[in-house]
């Protein structure tokens, strides 16, 4: 990220901030969508994160750390979205969109992973998304989330256990249904 652009935005230059926001928005939206599993909620989280970034940008000490700082703001916005959904008790009806072509395996496998992923809490989702979808190292994730690397390892470990157990349970259930 261009340090001078960040510094200009920090001093209130709206055009500089627009360039920054445009540059990182796609990446932030992709992360929010992977965490929240819903386009509308991801858009709301992105909007909340961008507002938070604009509001708090003057307090950013190191302009070189802008991207990690922006990712952290997004993770917080995703957590806010998850809490808001739980409090409101709303049921989101997802549009019946055709699935994008997926070379990773059959749709049933993808659905199992999706169901398992929904069992993770926001903190675990964030670590898994940053590690496997953004291909970040554990130290990078610790820096973005501002947590100790041991906490990142722990969240990743427990998230993988939950995913594995949920997928195995789904597999056993499917096998039992086929036997009937």
Protein backbone atom coordinates (compact mmCIF):
# COMPACT_ATOMS: atom_id res chain seq x y z
CA UNK A 1 0.00 0.00 0.00
CA UNK A 2 1.30 3.46 -0.89
CA UNK A 3 2.40 5.12 2.35
CA UNK A 4 1.84 8.65 1.05
CA UNK A 5 -1.71 7.77 0.00
CA UNK A 6 -2.46 6.47 3.50
CA UNK A 7 -0.93 9.58 5.07
CA UNK A 8 -3.01 11.85 2.82
CA UNK A 9 -6.15 9.94 3.78
CA UNK A 10 -5.18 10.23 7.44
CA UNK A 11 -5.08 13.99 7.10
CA UNK A 12 -8.66 14.00 5.75
CA UNK A 13 -8.11 13.76 1.98
CA UNK A 14 -11.34 12.09 0.81
CA UNK A 15 -10.01 11.32 -2.66
CA UNK A 16 -7.02 9.49 -1.19
CA UNK A 17 -9.37 7.48 1.02
CA UNK A 18 -11.57 6.64 -1.97
CA UNK A 19 -8.53 5.23 -3.77
CA UNK A 20 -7.58 3.21 -0.68
CA UNK A 21 -11.14 1.95 -0.23
CA UNK A 22 -11.42 1.01 -3.90
CA UNK A 23 -8.07 -0.80 -3.74
CA UNK A 24 -8.94 -2.99 -0.74
CA UNK A 25 -12.72 -3.38 -1.07
CA UNK A 26 -12.74 -6.51 -3.24
CA UNK A 27 -10.33 -8.31 -0.94
CA UNK A 28 -12.24 -7.25 2.17
CA UNK A 29 -15.58 -8.25 0.67
CA UNK A 30 -14.22 -11.70 -0.25
CA UNK A 31 -13.05 -12.24 3.31
CA UNK A 32 -16.35 -11.00 4.77
CA UNK A 33 -18.31 -13.29 2.45
CA UNK A 34 -16.23 -16.30 3.40
CA UNK A 35 -16.73 -15.55 7.10
CA UNK A 36 -20.41 -14.62 6.99
CA UNK A 37 -21.52 -16.87 4.10
CA UNK A 38 -24.03 -14.30 2.94
CA UNK A 39 -23.63 -11.57 0.31
CA UNK A 40 -25.89 -9.04 2.03
CA UNK A 41 -24.25 -9.52 5.43
CA UNK A 42 -20.81 -9.30 3.79
CA UNK A 43 -21.79 -6.04 2.13
CA UNK A 44 -23.04 -4.67 5.45
CA UNK A 45 -19.81 -5.74 7.16
CA UNK A 46 -17.71 -4.16 4.41
CA UNK A 47 -19.64 -0.91 4.69
CA UNK A 48 -19.27 -0.93 8.48
CA UNK A 49 -15.56 -1.65 8.19
CA UNK A 50 -15.00 1.16 5.68
CA UNK A 51 -16.83 3.61 7.94
CA UNK A 52 -14.77 2.45 10.91
CA UNK A 53 -11.57 2.74 8.87
CA UNK A 54 -12.42 6.30 7.75
CA UNK A 55 -13.39 7.33 11.29
CA UNK A 56 -10.33 5.79 12.98
CA UNK A 57 -7.75 6.38 10.24
CA UNK A 58 -6.22 9.44 11.93
CA UNK A 59 -5.30 7.23 14.91
CA UNK A 60 -3.35 4.72 12.78
CA UNK A 61 0.25 5.02 13.97
CA UNK A 62 2.04 3.19 11.17
CA UNK A 63 0.75 3.85 7.64
CA UNK A 64 2.67 0.77 6.44
CA UNK A 65 0.36 -1.37 8.58
CA UNK A 66 -2.78 -0.04 6.85
CA UNK A 67 -3.79 -3.32 5.19
CA UNK A 68 -3.47 -5.40 8.36
CA UNK A 69 -5.31 -2.68 10.27
CA UNK A 70 -8.10 -2.62 7.64
CA UNK A 71 -8.43 -6.41 7.81
CA UNK A 72 -8.76 -6.17 11.58
CA UNK A 73 -11.53 -3.58 11.20
CA UNK A 74 -13.30 -5.94 8.81
CA UNK A 75 -13.03 -8.89 11.20
CA UNK A 76 -14.59 -6.73 13.93
CA UNK A 77 -17.38 -5.68 11.55
CA UNK A 78 -18.03 -9.36 10.71
CA UNK A 79 -18.23 -10.18 14.40
CA UNK A 80 -20.71 -7.32 14.84
CA UNK A 81 -22.84 -8.74 11.99
CA UNK A 82 -22.86 -12.20 13.57
CA UNK A 83 -23.87 -10.76 16.96
CA UNK A 84 -26.57 -8.62 15.34
CA UNK A 85 -28.03 -11.67 13.55
CA UNK A 86 -28.05 -13.71 16.76
CA UNK A 87 -29.75 -10.94 18.74
CA UNK A 88 -32.40 -10.23 16.13
CA UNK A 89 -33.13 -13.90 15.58
CA UNK A 90 -33.68 -13.16 11.91
CA UNK A 91 -33.70 -15.93 9.41
CA UNK A 92 -31.82 -15.09 6.25
CA UNK A 93 -33.30 -16.54 3.12
CA UNK A 94 -30.52 -17.05 0.66
CA UNK A 95 -31.25 -16.52 -3.01
CA UNK A 96 -31.40 -19.61 -5.16
CA UNK A 97 -28.36 -18.76 -7.25
CA UNK A 98 -26.62 -21.23 -9.51
CA UNK A 99 -23.41 -22.51 -7.98
CA UNK A 100 -20.18 -21.39 -9.56
CA UNK A 101 -18.18 -24.16 -11.15
CA UNK A 102 -16.17 -25.84 -8.41
CA UNK A 103 -13.34 -28.18 -9.32
CA UNK A 104 -12.68 -29.08 -5.67
CA UNK A 105 -15.19 -31.89 -5.54
CA UNK A 106 -18.84 -32.81 -5.73
CA UNK A 107 -21.52 -30.45 -4.53
CA UNK A 108 -22.36 -32.76 -1.63
CA UNK A 109 -18.81 -32.38 -0.27
CA UNK A 110 -19.07 -28.63 -0.63
CA UNK A 111 -22.39 -28.62 1.23
CA UNK A 112 -20.88 -30.70 4.05
CA UNK A 113 -18.03 -28.24 4.42
CA UNK A 114 -20.49 -25.33 4.35
CA UNK A 115 -22.61 -26.88 7.12
CA UNK A 116 -19.49 -27.64 9.16
CA UNK A 117 -18.15 -24.11 8.67
CA UNK A 118 -21.36 -22.63 10.09
CA UNK A 119 -20.60 -24.40 13.39
CA UNK A 120 -17.49 -22.28 13.92
CA UNK A 121 -17.64 -19.08 15.93
CA UNK A 122 -16.57 -15.78 14.35
CA UNK A 123 -13.04 -15.92 15.75
CA UNK A 124 -12.46 -19.43 14.40
CA UNK A 125 -13.95 -18.51 11.01
CA UNK A 126 -11.65 -15.51 10.76
CA UNK A 127 -8.54 -17.61 11.39
CA UNK A 128 -9.58 -20.32 8.90
CA UNK A 129 -10.47 -17.78 6.20
CA UNK A 130 -7.24 -15.83 6.64
CA UNK A 131 -5.15 -18.99 6.72
CA UNK A 132 -6.68 -21.01 3.90
CA UNK A 133 -8.42 -18.49 1.65
CA UNK A 134 -6.01 -15.57 2.00
CA UNK A 135 -3.00 -17.90 2.41
CA UNK A 136 -1.59 -15.91 5.32
CA UNK A 137 0.92 -17.33 7.78
CA UNK A 138 0.08 -17.71 11.45
CA UNK A 139 2.30 -14.75 12.43
CA UNK A 140 0.54 -12.58 9.83
CA UNK A 141 -2.86 -13.64 11.18
CA UNK A 142 -1.72 -12.87 14.73
CA UNK A 143 -0.65 -9.40 13.59
CA UNK A 144 -3.92 -8.72 11.77
CA UNK A 145 -6.10 -9.91 14.65
CA UNK A 146 -3.75 -8.45 17.28
CA UNK A 147 -3.70 -11.65 19.27
CA UNK A 148 -0.81 -13.88 20.36
CA UNK A 149 0.32 -16.50 17.85
CA UNK A 150 -0.56 -19.20 20.40
CA UNK A 151 -4.16 -18.00 20.32
CA UNK A 152 -4.14 -18.19 16.52
CA UNK A 153 -2.80 -21.76 16.70
CA UNK A 154 -5.42 -22.68 19.28
CA UNK A 155 -8.30 -21.22 17.26
CA UNK A 156 -7.07 -22.96 14.11
CA UNK A 157 -6.67 -26.26 15.95
CA UNK A 158 -10.14 -26.20 17.51
CA UNK A 159 -11.72 -24.97 14.28
CA UNK A 160 -10.21 -27.90 12.37
CA UNK A 161 -11.43 -30.31 15.06
CA UNK A 162 -14.95 -28.91 14.79
CA UNK A 163 -14.87 -29.05 10.99
CA UNK A 164 -13.56 -32.61 10.99
CA UNK A 165 -16.11 -33.80 13.55
CA UNK A 166 -19.01 -32.12 11.72
CA UNK A 167 -18.00 -33.59 8.36
CA UNK A 168 -17.57 -37.05 9.88
CA UNK A 169 -20.98 -36.78 11.57
CA UNK A 170 -22.57 -35.75 8.26
CA UNK A 171 -20.83 -38.64 6.54
CA UNK A 172 -22.12 -41.15 9.13
CA UNK A 173 -25.62 -39.72 8.83
CA UNK A 174 -25.52 -40.00 5.04
CA UNK A 175 -24.26 -43.58 5.26
CA UNK A 176 -27.07 -44.48 7.68
CA UNK A 177 -29.66 -42.93 5.36
CA UNK A 178 -28.29 -44.91 2.40
CA UNK A 179 -28.56 -48.18 4.37
CA UNK A 180 -32.27 -47.58 4.98
